[in-house]
């Protein structure tokens, strides 16, 4: 199946854990990975942070250190190159790593926050932070505890209004390395389809959804480059 888009058409690309896993980052499902050594309810909820902020910071500091040992893969690089040819391409990622940015991508929307940002629990202060953090950091402005700027279980993802607006305009929806089963992201392909977008998923595991026009089974680092190269820009 061939796909074509106009130069002014909006392209919406949703990326998930699968694309980062191919660079070597741990995911929820990895056996023996970083998540396997911690319980989600102990490190990834607002209640966990209130109960034991030091443990939560320890966990996210380890996740941040992982970023130093990995690099963007061919899928990340292919997406960045595609954006240069078609600037109206938006990357909406469920991942909290910075691999899209390191690959050279722009228009990246981190709906679950970012490992490279920290924010205050008491005021609007936030900052980019790549260095190691020991103990429990405090806000420079108000003295309250800082937290990782990530969306935990039970919290509302970021930028949903912007995301829904983009979905209403998109002509081509592409899901990469995501199961498409966790809400609200699970609904994105159906919303895009309701606005007459063409829809594509690239994933290692088969996804059954009547709103997907084309499903490509395989590794993102191989299939993304191949698929994007075949899109005709009119």
Protein backbone atom coordinates (compact mmCIF):
# COMPACT_ATOMS: atom_id res chain seq x y z
CA UNK A 1 0.00 0.00 0.00
CA UNK A 2 1.42 3.35 -1.10
CA UNK A 3 0.89 6.57 0.85
CA UNK A 4 1.09 10.14 -0.40
CA UNK A 5 0.83 13.44 1.47
CA UNK A 6 0.70 17.09 0.48
CA UNK A 7 3.51 19.41 1.50
CA UNK A 8 1.20 21.22 3.89
CA UNK A 9 -0.44 18.10 5.34
CA UNK A 10 -0.01 17.31 9.02
CA UNK A 11 1.68 14.00 9.87
CA UNK A 12 1.14 12.65 13.40
CA UNK A 13 3.66 10.06 14.64
CA UNK A 14 3.12 8.29 17.96
CA UNK A 15 6.16 6.50 19.40
CA UNK A 16 6.30 4.10 22.30
CA UNK A 17 8.67 1.97 24.34
CA UNK A 18 9.53 -0.33 21.44
CA UNK A 19 11.54 2.27 19.57
CA UNK A 20 13.64 3.07 22.66
CA UNK A 21 14.09 -0.60 23.55
CA UNK A 22 15.92 -1.08 20.25
CA UNK A 23 18.50 1.42 21.52
CA UNK A 24 18.93 -0.62 24.71
CA UNK A 25 16.69 1.21 27.19
CA UNK A 26 14.74 -0.84 29.73
CA UNK A 27 10.96 -1.10 29.38
CA UNK A 28 8.18 -2.24 31.69
CA UNK A 29 8.14 -5.67 30.06
CA UNK A 30 11.87 -6.40 30.09
CA UNK A 31 12.74 -9.45 32.16
CA UNK A 32 15.70 -8.58 34.37
CA UNK A 33 15.56 -4.93 33.32
CA UNK A 34 15.52 -1.88 35.53
CA UNK A 35 11.75 -1.96 36.07
CA UNK A 36 11.99 -5.62 37.08
CA UNK A 37 13.97 -4.61 40.16
CA UNK A 38 11.38 -2.11 41.40
CA UNK A 39 7.64 -2.30 41.93
CA UNK A 40 5.73 0.27 39.86
CA UNK A 41 3.60 1.24 42.83
CA UNK A 42 6.78 2.03 44.81
CA UNK A 43 8.41 4.38 42.32
CA UNK A 44 5.92 5.60 39.71
CA UNK A 45 2.92 7.04 41.54
CA UNK A 46 2.30 10.31 43.41
CA UNK A 47 1.65 8.24 46.55
CA UNK A 48 5.04 6.54 46.22
CA UNK A 49 6.80 9.90 46.00
CA UNK A 50 4.94 11.20 49.04
CA UNK A 51 5.82 8.07 51.00
CA UNK A 52 9.45 7.63 49.97
CA UNK A 53 10.84 10.41 47.73
CA UNK A 54 14.41 9.20 48.18
CA UNK A 55 13.60 5.78 46.67
CA UNK A 56 11.78 7.43 43.75
CA UNK A 57 14.74 9.73 43.09
CA UNK A 58 17.10 6.76 43.25
CA UNK A 59 15.06 4.96 40.60
CA UNK A 60 14.83 7.94 38.23
CA UNK A 61 18.50 8.77 38.69
CA UNK A 62 19.29 5.25 37.47
CA UNK A 63 16.99 5.71 34.50
CA UNK A 64 18.70 9.01 33.65
CA UNK A 65 22.11 7.32 33.83
CA UNK A 66 20.89 4.77 31.28
CA UNK A 67 20.58 7.58 28.73
CA UNK A 68 24.35 8.09 28.78
CA UNK A 69 24.93 4.53 27.62
CA UNK A 70 22.59 4.49 24.62
CA UNK A 71 22.27 6.29 21.30
CA UNK A 72 19.45 6.97 18.84
CA UNK A 73 18.89 4.06 16.48
CA UNK A 74 18.06 4.05 12.78
CA UNK A 75 14.36 4.59 13.47
CA UNK A 76 15.05 7.78 15.44
CA UNK A 77 17.41 9.04 12.75
CA UNK A 78 14.97 8.20 9.96
CA UNK A 79 12.20 10.16 11.69
CA UNK A 80 14.49 13.18 12.08
CA UNK A 81 15.42 13.02 8.40
CA UNK A 82 11.78 12.73 7.38
CA UNK A 83 10.94 15.84 9.42
CA UNK A 84 13.54 17.81 7.48
CA UNK A 85 11.75 16.90 4.25
CA UNK A 86 8.29 17.36 5.75
CA UNK A 87 8.39 19.94 8.60
CA UNK A 88 4.70 19.53 9.44
CA UNK A 89 5.51 16.19 11.06
CA UNK A 90 4.87 15.99 14.80
CA UNK A 91 6.37 13.35 17.08
CA UNK A 92 4.15 12.57 20.03
CA UNK A 93 6.10 10.23 22.27
CA UNK A 94 5.08 8.14 25.24
CA UNK A 95 8.77 7.81 26.09
CA UNK A 96 10.54 9.97 28.66
CA UNK A 97 14.01 9.66 27.10
CA UNK A 98 15.66 12.26 24.86
CA UNK A 99 16.58 10.01 21.92
CA UNK A 100 14.33 11.81 19.43
CA UNK A 101 15.97 15.13 20.23
CA UNK A 102 19.46 13.63 20.10
CA UNK A 103 18.65 12.25 16.66
CA UNK A 104 17.85 15.78 15.50
CA UNK A 105 14.04 15.76 15.65
CA UNK A 106 11.94 18.85 16.23
CA UNK A 107 8.22 19.17 17.06
CA UNK A 108 8.61 16.53 19.78
CA UNK A 109 5.75 16.39 22.28
CA UNK A 110 6.52 14.42 25.46
CA UNK A 111 3.07 13.45 26.67
CA UNK A 112 4.54 11.54 29.64
CA UNK A 113 7.17 14.12 30.53
CA UNK A 114 10.95 13.87 30.33
CA UNK A 115 13.76 12.30 32.34
CA UNK A 116 15.89 15.33 31.59
CA UNK A 117 13.55 17.75 33.37
CA UNK A 118 12.83 18.27 37.06
CA UNK A 119 10.12 20.45 38.58
CA UNK A 120 9.01 21.82 41.91
CA UNK A 121 6.17 20.32 43.93
CA UNK A 122 5.31 23.73 45.36
CA UNK A 123 5.73 26.34 42.61
CA UNK A 124 6.11 26.58 38.84
CA UNK A 125 9.90 26.21 38.84
CA UNK A 126 11.43 23.63 36.48
CA UNK A 127 14.78 23.05 34.83
CA UNK A 128 16.60 20.81 32.40
CA UNK A 129 18.88 18.52 34.39
CA UNK A 130 21.22 15.88 32.99
CA UNK A 131 23.63 15.47 35.89
CA UNK A 132 23.40 12.90 38.69
CA UNK A 133 21.18 13.79 41.63
CA UNK A 134 22.02 12.66 45.14
CA UNK A 135 19.37 12.53 47.84
CA UNK A 136 16.25 14.71 47.59
CA UNK A 137 16.81 18.00 45.71
CA UNK A 138 15.15 21.22 46.83
CA UNK A 139 13.74 24.08 44.76
CA UNK A 140 15.99 27.15 44.39
CA UNK A 141 12.95 29.42 44.37
CA UNK A 142 10.73 28.23 47.23
CA UNK A 143 12.60 25.45 49.03
CA UNK A 144 10.04 22.72 48.37
CA UNK A 145 11.03 19.24 47.16
CA UNK A 146 11.76 18.80 43.46
CA UNK A 147 10.38 15.80 41.56
CA UNK A 148 11.10 14.20 38.19
CA UNK A 149 9.03 15.90 35.49
CA UNK A 150 7.40 12.66 34.39
CA UNK A 151 3.76 11.64 34.37
CA UNK A 152 3.14 8.93 36.94
CA UNK A 153 0.32 6.40 37.09
CA UNK A 154 -2.82 8.22 38.17
CA UNK A 155 -1.71 11.54 36.64
CA UNK A 156 -2.99 13.20 33.47
CA UNK A 157 -0.63 13.16 30.46
CA UNK A 158 0.72 16.48 29.22
CA UNK A 159 -0.35 18.50 26.15
CA UNK A 160 -3.61 16.59 25.50
CA UNK A 161 -5.41 19.63 24.09
CA UNK A 162 -2.58 20.19 21.60
CA UNK A 163 -2.49 16.49 20.75
CA UNK A 164 -6.24 16.30 20.07
CA UNK A 165 -6.03 19.39 17.89
CA UNK A 166 -3.24 17.78 15.83
CA UNK A 167 -5.26 14.58 15.50
CA UNK A 168 -8.15 16.55 14.05
CA UNK A 169 -5.84 17.95 11.33
CA UNK A 170 -3.63 14.98 10.51
CA UNK A 171 -3.67 13.32 7.11
CA UNK A 172 -1.32 10.48 8.05
CA UNK A 173 -1.11 8.79 11.46
CA UNK A 174 1.85 6.49 12.19
CA UNK A 175 2.25 4.47 15.39
CA UNK A 176 5.74 3.09 16.06
CA UNK A 177 6.87 0.69 18.80
CA UNK A 178 3.66 0.95 20.79
CA UNK A 179 0.96 -1.61 21.51
CA UNK A 180 -1.76 1.02 21.20
CA UNK A 181 -3.54 -0.43 24.23
CA UNK A 182 -2.92 2.11 27.01
CA UNK A 183 -5.26 5.09 27.22
CA UNK A 184 -5.46 7.89 26.32
CA UNK A 185 -2.92 7.08 23.57
CA UNK A 186 -4.88 3.94 22.66
CA UNK A 187 -7.67 6.15 21.31
CA UNK A 188 -5.45 8.30 19.08
CA UNK A 189 -5.62 6.09 15.99
CA UNK A 190 -9.43 5.94 16.14
CA UNK A 191 -9.65 9.72 16.55
CA UNK A 192 -7.32 10.26 13.59
CA UNK A 193 -9.37 7.79 11.53
CA UNK A 194 -12.59 9.63 12.39
CA UNK A 195 -11.04 12.71 10.74
CA UNK A 196 -10.27 10.70 7.58
CA UNK A 197 -6.55 10.20 8.22
CA UNK A 198 -4.69 7.24 6.76
CA UNK A 199 -3.33 5.08 9.58
CA UNK A 200 -0.22 2.91 9.87
CA UNK A 201 1.32 0.92 12.74
CA UNK A 202 4.85 -0.48 12.88
CA UNK A 203 5.42 -2.86 15.78
CA UNK A 204 7.21 -6.10 16.67
CA UNK A 205 3.97 -7.62 17.97
CA UNK A 206 0.81 -7.90 15.92
CA UNK A 207 -1.93 -5.35 16.67
CA UNK A 208 -5.54 -5.98 15.70
CA UNK A 209 -7.50 -2.77 15.25
CA UNK A 210 -10.03 -2.09 12.51
CA UNK A 211 -8.93 1.55 12.38
CA UNK A 212 -5.42 0.61 11.17
CA UNK A 213 -5.11 0.75 7.38
CA UNK A 214 -1.67 -0.85 7.25
CA UNK A 215 0.16 -2.89 9.87
CA UNK A 216 3.88 -3.60 9.43
CA UNK A 217 5.29 -6.27 11.71
CA UNK A 218 8.98 -5.95 12.53
CA UNK A 219 11.72 -3.95 14.24
CA UNK A 220 11.34 -0.19 14.09
CA UNK A 221 15.05 0.25 13.35
CA UNK A 222 14.50 -1.58 10.05
CA UNK A 223 10.90 -0.95 9.03
CA UNK A 224 10.57 2.78 9.81
CA UNK A 225 13.28 3.84 7.37
CA UNK A 226 11.86 1.60 4.67
CA UNK A 227 8.28 2.84 5.11
CA UNK A 228 9.14 6.55 5.29
CA UNK A 229 11.26 6.30 2.14
CA UNK A 230 8.20 5.10 0.21
CA UNK A 231 5.91 8.01 1.19
CA UNK A 232 5.30 10.32 -1.74
CA UNK A 233 5.22 14.04 -0.92
CA UNK A 234 3.11 15.84 -3.53
